N, C-alpha and C. Protein backbone atom coordinates (compact mmCIF):
# COMPACT_ATOMS: atom_id res chain seq x y z
N MET A 1 -12.17 46.41 -15.21
CA MET A 1 -11.00 45.77 -14.66
C MET A 1 -11.02 44.28 -14.96
N ARG A 2 -9.84 43.77 -15.10
CA ARG A 2 -9.72 42.33 -15.36
C ARG A 2 -9.68 41.58 -14.05
N ARG A 3 -10.32 40.45 -14.06
CA ARG A 3 -10.29 39.59 -12.88
C ARG A 3 -9.01 38.76 -12.90
N PRO A 4 -8.39 38.56 -11.76
CA PRO A 4 -7.18 37.73 -11.74
C PRO A 4 -7.52 36.28 -12.05
N ARG A 5 -6.59 35.62 -12.71
CA ARG A 5 -6.77 34.21 -13.04
C ARG A 5 -6.76 33.37 -11.77
N PRO A 6 -7.57 32.35 -11.76
CA PRO A 6 -7.52 31.45 -10.60
C PRO A 6 -6.19 30.69 -10.59
N ARG A 7 -5.60 30.62 -9.44
CA ARG A 7 -4.31 29.95 -9.31
C ARG A 7 -4.50 28.46 -9.08
N ALA A 8 -3.47 27.73 -9.42
CA ALA A 8 -3.46 26.29 -9.14
C ALA A 8 -3.36 26.12 -7.62
N PRO A 9 -3.88 25.02 -7.11
CA PRO A 9 -3.81 24.83 -5.66
C PRO A 9 -2.35 24.82 -5.18
N LEU A 10 -2.14 25.36 -4.01
CA LEU A 10 -0.80 25.47 -3.46
C LEU A 10 -0.28 24.12 -2.99
N PHE A 11 -1.15 23.29 -2.48
CA PHE A 11 -0.75 21.99 -1.94
C PHE A 11 -1.28 20.87 -2.82
N LEU A 12 -0.56 19.74 -2.78
CA LEU A 12 -1.02 18.56 -3.50
C LEU A 12 -2.19 17.92 -2.77
N PRO A 13 -3.03 17.22 -3.49
CA PRO A 13 -4.06 16.44 -2.81
C PRO A 13 -3.42 15.38 -1.92
N ARG A 14 -4.11 14.98 -0.88
CA ARG A 14 -3.56 14.06 0.12
C ARG A 14 -3.04 12.75 -0.48
N PRO A 15 -3.75 12.07 -1.40
CA PRO A 15 -3.21 10.82 -1.94
C PRO A 15 -1.91 11.02 -2.72
N ASP A 16 -1.83 12.10 -3.50
CA ASP A 16 -0.59 12.37 -4.23
C ASP A 16 0.56 12.68 -3.29
N TYR A 17 0.27 13.43 -2.25
CA TYR A 17 1.30 13.76 -1.27
C TYR A 17 1.82 12.50 -0.58
N ARG A 18 0.91 11.62 -0.18
CA ARG A 18 1.33 10.38 0.49
C ARG A 18 2.13 9.50 -0.44
N ARG A 19 1.71 9.40 -1.69
CA ARG A 19 2.46 8.58 -2.65
C ARG A 19 3.87 9.12 -2.84
N ARG A 20 4.00 10.41 -2.95
CA ARG A 20 5.34 10.99 -3.14
C ARG A 20 6.22 10.78 -1.90
N ARG A 21 5.64 10.88 -0.72
CA ARG A 21 6.42 10.65 0.50
C ARG A 21 6.83 9.18 0.62
N LEU A 22 5.97 8.25 0.20
CA LEU A 22 6.33 6.84 0.22
C LEU A 22 7.44 6.54 -0.78
N VAL A 23 7.39 7.17 -1.95
CA VAL A 23 8.46 6.99 -2.93
C VAL A 23 9.76 7.57 -2.38
N ASP A 24 9.68 8.72 -1.72
CA ASP A 24 10.87 9.30 -1.09
C ASP A 24 11.45 8.36 -0.04
N ALA A 25 10.58 7.77 0.77
CA ALA A 25 11.04 6.83 1.80
C ALA A 25 11.68 5.60 1.17
N ALA A 26 11.12 5.11 0.06
CA ALA A 26 11.69 3.95 -0.62
C ALA A 26 13.06 4.28 -1.21
N ARG A 27 13.24 5.50 -1.66
CA ARG A 27 14.54 5.92 -2.19
C ARG A 27 15.57 6.11 -1.09
N LEU A 28 15.11 6.52 0.07
CA LEU A 28 16.02 6.80 1.18
C LEU A 28 16.39 5.54 1.96
N LEU A 29 15.60 4.49 1.87
CA LEU A 29 15.83 3.28 2.64
C LEU A 29 17.21 2.66 2.40
N PRO A 30 17.71 2.53 1.17
CA PRO A 30 19.05 1.98 0.99
C PRO A 30 20.15 2.85 1.60
N VAL A 31 19.97 4.15 1.55
CA VAL A 31 20.96 5.05 2.15
C VAL A 31 20.98 4.87 3.67
N LEU A 32 19.80 4.81 4.25
CA LEU A 32 19.70 4.57 5.69
C LEU A 32 20.30 3.22 6.05
N GLY A 33 20.02 2.20 5.25
CA GLY A 33 20.58 0.87 5.50
C GLY A 33 22.10 0.87 5.42
N GLY A 34 22.65 1.54 4.44
CA GLY A 34 24.10 1.62 4.33
C GLY A 34 24.73 2.31 5.53
N PHE A 35 24.09 3.37 5.99
CA PHE A 35 24.59 4.07 7.17
C PHE A 35 24.54 3.16 8.39
N LEU A 36 23.42 2.47 8.58
CA LEU A 36 23.28 1.61 9.76
C LEU A 36 24.23 0.42 9.72
N VAL A 37 24.51 -0.10 8.52
CA VAL A 37 25.46 -1.22 8.42
C VAL A 37 26.88 -0.75 8.72
N LEU A 38 27.22 0.45 8.31
CA LEU A 38 28.58 0.96 8.55
C LEU A 38 28.74 1.59 9.94
N LEU A 39 27.67 1.77 10.66
CA LEU A 39 27.72 2.40 11.97
C LEU A 39 28.63 1.67 12.97
N PRO A 40 28.71 0.34 13.01
CA PRO A 40 29.59 -0.32 13.97
C PRO A 40 31.07 0.05 13.81
N ILE A 41 31.46 0.52 12.65
CA ILE A 41 32.86 0.95 12.47
C ILE A 41 33.17 2.11 13.41
N LEU A 42 32.20 2.96 13.68
CA LEU A 42 32.41 4.09 14.58
C LEU A 42 32.50 3.66 16.04
N TRP A 43 32.01 2.47 16.37
CA TRP A 43 32.02 2.00 17.74
C TRP A 43 33.39 1.50 18.17
N VAL A 44 34.23 1.10 17.23
CA VAL A 44 35.50 0.47 17.55
C VAL A 44 36.45 1.52 18.13
N ARG A 45 37.00 1.19 19.30
CA ARG A 45 38.02 2.05 19.89
C ARG A 45 39.37 1.42 19.65
N ALA A 46 40.38 2.22 19.49
CA ALA A 46 41.71 1.71 19.18
C ALA A 46 42.31 0.94 20.36
N ASP A 47 42.04 1.35 21.58
CA ASP A 47 42.64 0.70 22.73
C ASP A 47 41.80 -0.46 23.28
N ALA A 48 40.63 -0.68 22.75
CA ALA A 48 39.76 -1.75 23.25
C ALA A 48 40.10 -3.06 22.54
N PRO A 49 40.09 -4.15 23.29
CA PRO A 49 40.34 -5.45 22.65
C PRO A 49 39.14 -5.85 21.81
N SER A 50 39.42 -6.56 20.72
CA SER A 50 38.30 -7.01 19.91
C SER A 50 37.57 -8.13 20.64
N GLY A 51 36.36 -8.32 20.37
CA GLY A 51 35.56 -9.31 21.06
C GLY A 51 34.10 -8.99 20.95
N GLY A 52 33.79 -7.97 20.19
CA GLY A 52 32.40 -7.59 20.01
C GLY A 52 31.82 -8.20 18.74
N THR A 53 32.42 -9.28 18.26
CA THR A 53 31.97 -9.87 17.01
C THR A 53 30.54 -10.39 17.13
N ALA A 54 30.23 -11.04 18.24
CA ALA A 54 28.87 -11.56 18.43
C ALA A 54 27.86 -10.40 18.51
N ARG A 55 28.23 -9.38 19.23
CA ARG A 55 27.35 -8.21 19.34
C ARG A 55 27.15 -7.56 17.98
N ASP A 56 28.22 -7.42 17.22
CA ASP A 56 28.12 -6.82 15.89
C ASP A 56 27.32 -7.70 14.94
N GLY A 57 27.48 -9.00 15.05
CA GLY A 57 26.71 -9.92 14.22
C GLY A 57 25.23 -9.84 14.50
N ILE A 58 24.88 -9.79 15.77
CA ILE A 58 23.47 -9.65 16.15
C ILE A 58 22.92 -8.32 15.65
N TYR A 59 23.71 -7.26 15.81
CA TYR A 59 23.30 -5.94 15.33
C TYR A 59 23.02 -5.98 13.83
N LEU A 60 23.93 -6.57 13.06
CA LEU A 60 23.75 -6.61 11.61
C LEU A 60 22.52 -7.44 11.22
N PHE A 61 22.29 -8.56 11.94
CA PHE A 61 21.12 -9.36 11.65
C PHE A 61 19.84 -8.58 11.95
N VAL A 62 19.81 -7.89 13.06
CA VAL A 62 18.62 -7.11 13.41
C VAL A 62 18.39 -5.99 12.39
N ILE A 63 19.46 -5.31 11.99
CA ILE A 63 19.34 -4.24 10.99
C ILE A 63 18.83 -4.83 9.68
N TRP A 64 19.38 -5.98 9.28
CA TRP A 64 18.93 -6.63 8.06
C TRP A 64 17.44 -6.95 8.14
N ALA A 65 16.99 -7.51 9.25
CA ALA A 65 15.58 -7.88 9.40
C ALA A 65 14.69 -6.64 9.37
N VAL A 66 15.12 -5.56 10.02
CA VAL A 66 14.33 -4.32 10.03
C VAL A 66 14.26 -3.73 8.62
N LEU A 67 15.37 -3.75 7.89
CA LEU A 67 15.35 -3.21 6.52
C LEU A 67 14.47 -4.04 5.61
N VAL A 68 14.50 -5.37 5.75
CA VAL A 68 13.63 -6.22 4.94
C VAL A 68 12.17 -5.94 5.27
N GLY A 69 11.85 -5.82 6.55
CA GLY A 69 10.48 -5.52 6.95
C GLY A 69 10.02 -4.16 6.45
N ALA A 70 10.89 -3.16 6.56
CA ALA A 70 10.53 -1.82 6.09
C ALA A 70 10.34 -1.81 4.57
N ALA A 71 11.21 -2.51 3.85
CA ALA A 71 11.06 -2.58 2.39
C ALA A 71 9.77 -3.29 2.00
N ALA A 72 9.42 -4.36 2.72
CA ALA A 72 8.18 -5.07 2.43
C ALA A 72 6.97 -4.18 2.70
N LEU A 73 7.01 -3.45 3.80
CA LEU A 73 5.91 -2.55 4.14
C LEU A 73 5.76 -1.44 3.10
N LEU A 74 6.88 -0.84 2.71
CA LEU A 74 6.83 0.22 1.70
C LEU A 74 6.34 -0.33 0.37
N ALA A 75 6.82 -1.51 -0.02
CA ALA A 75 6.39 -2.10 -1.29
C ALA A 75 4.90 -2.40 -1.28
N ASN A 76 4.40 -2.90 -0.16
CA ASN A 76 2.98 -3.20 -0.05
C ASN A 76 2.14 -1.93 -0.16
N ARG A 77 2.54 -0.90 0.53
CA ARG A 77 1.78 0.36 0.48
C ARG A 77 1.86 1.02 -0.90
N LEU A 78 3.04 0.98 -1.52
CA LEU A 78 3.18 1.54 -2.86
C LEU A 78 2.35 0.74 -3.87
N ASP A 79 2.28 -0.57 -3.69
CA ASP A 79 1.47 -1.40 -4.58
C ASP A 79 0.00 -1.08 -4.41
N ASP A 80 -0.44 -0.88 -3.17
CA ASP A 80 -1.83 -0.51 -2.93
C ASP A 80 -2.17 0.83 -3.58
N ILE A 81 -1.26 1.77 -3.48
CA ILE A 81 -1.49 3.08 -4.09
C ILE A 81 -1.49 2.97 -5.60
N ALA A 82 -0.60 2.15 -6.16
CA ALA A 82 -0.55 1.97 -7.61
C ALA A 82 -1.82 1.30 -8.11
N ASP A 83 -2.36 0.36 -7.34
CA ASP A 83 -3.61 -0.29 -7.72
C ASP A 83 -4.77 0.71 -7.73
N ASP A 84 -4.76 1.65 -6.81
CA ASP A 84 -5.82 2.66 -6.75
C ASP A 84 -5.75 3.63 -7.94
N ASP A 85 -4.53 3.84 -8.47
CA ASP A 85 -4.34 4.80 -9.55
C ASP A 85 -4.53 4.21 -10.93
N THR A 86 -4.62 2.88 -11.06
CA THR A 86 -4.72 2.27 -12.37
C THR A 86 -6.12 2.44 -12.93
N VAL A 87 -6.20 2.34 -14.25
CA VAL A 87 -7.47 2.46 -14.94
C VAL A 87 -8.18 1.10 -14.87
N PRO A 88 -9.47 1.07 -14.61
CA PRO A 88 -10.19 -0.20 -14.61
C PRO A 88 -10.08 -0.90 -15.96
N GLU A 89 -10.15 -2.23 -15.97
CA GLU A 89 -9.92 -3.00 -17.18
C GLU A 89 -10.88 -2.64 -18.30
N GLY A 90 -12.11 -2.34 -18.00
CA GLY A 90 -13.09 -2.00 -19.03
C GLY A 90 -12.79 -0.68 -19.72
N ASP A 91 -12.04 0.21 -19.08
CA ASP A 91 -11.74 1.52 -19.64
C ASP A 91 -10.38 1.57 -20.33
N ALA A 92 -9.64 0.48 -20.32
CA ALA A 92 -8.29 0.49 -20.88
C ALA A 92 -8.36 0.54 -22.40
N ASP A 93 -7.36 1.20 -23.00
CA ASP A 93 -7.28 1.30 -24.45
C ASP A 93 -6.64 0.03 -24.99
N THR A 94 -7.30 -0.65 -25.92
CA THR A 94 -6.79 -1.91 -26.46
C THR A 94 -6.53 -1.79 -27.95
N SER A 95 -6.05 -0.65 -28.42
CA SER A 95 -5.88 -0.43 -29.84
C SER A 95 -4.63 -1.08 -30.41
N ASP A 96 -3.64 -1.44 -29.61
CA ASP A 96 -2.38 -1.98 -30.14
C ASP A 96 -2.19 -3.46 -29.81
N THR A 97 -3.25 -4.27 -29.84
CA THR A 97 -3.14 -5.69 -29.48
C THR A 97 -2.92 -6.58 -30.69
N GLY A 98 -2.92 -6.07 -31.89
CA GLY A 98 -2.83 -6.91 -33.07
C GLY A 98 -1.46 -7.51 -33.33
N ALA A 99 -0.38 -6.77 -33.17
CA ALA A 99 0.94 -7.23 -33.58
C ALA A 99 1.61 -8.11 -32.53
N ALA A 100 1.24 -8.01 -31.30
CA ALA A 100 1.96 -8.71 -30.25
C ALA A 100 1.73 -10.21 -30.27
N GLY A 101 0.53 -10.68 -30.52
CA GLY A 101 0.25 -12.09 -30.40
C GLY A 101 0.10 -12.80 -31.73
N SER A 102 0.41 -12.18 -32.83
CA SER A 102 0.19 -12.79 -34.13
C SER A 102 1.49 -13.28 -34.72
N GLY A 103 1.63 -14.56 -34.79
CA GLY A 103 2.80 -15.03 -35.50
C GLY A 103 3.52 -16.15 -34.81
N GLY A 104 4.10 -16.98 -35.60
CA GLY A 104 4.93 -18.04 -35.10
C GLY A 104 6.18 -18.09 -35.95
N ASP A 105 6.73 -16.94 -36.24
CA ASP A 105 7.90 -16.84 -37.12
C ASP A 105 9.21 -16.99 -36.36
N ALA A 106 9.25 -17.79 -35.32
CA ALA A 106 10.45 -17.89 -34.51
C ALA A 106 11.51 -18.64 -35.16
């Protein structure tokens, strides 16, 4: 009888899984931000007098600050993960360095 072939693992390794979820979060952040910025439109009632401009302005500033903070946090974590995945400098392939720095034919 033939032995069955070993299957590939069903789940991703933890670092790959976390990196993919962080990339997903970075892609979703602008959509979430757009929704949160447009959310005050749903608060307006037709029979209510306007006067919530200060409240709406504070809301937008807070949302802006939270989105900037979240983007900075995601960028920092993605950068840390990218640094972990890079090849050390001693192991990098340097076979195509001849043409880039040779010449002053400008």
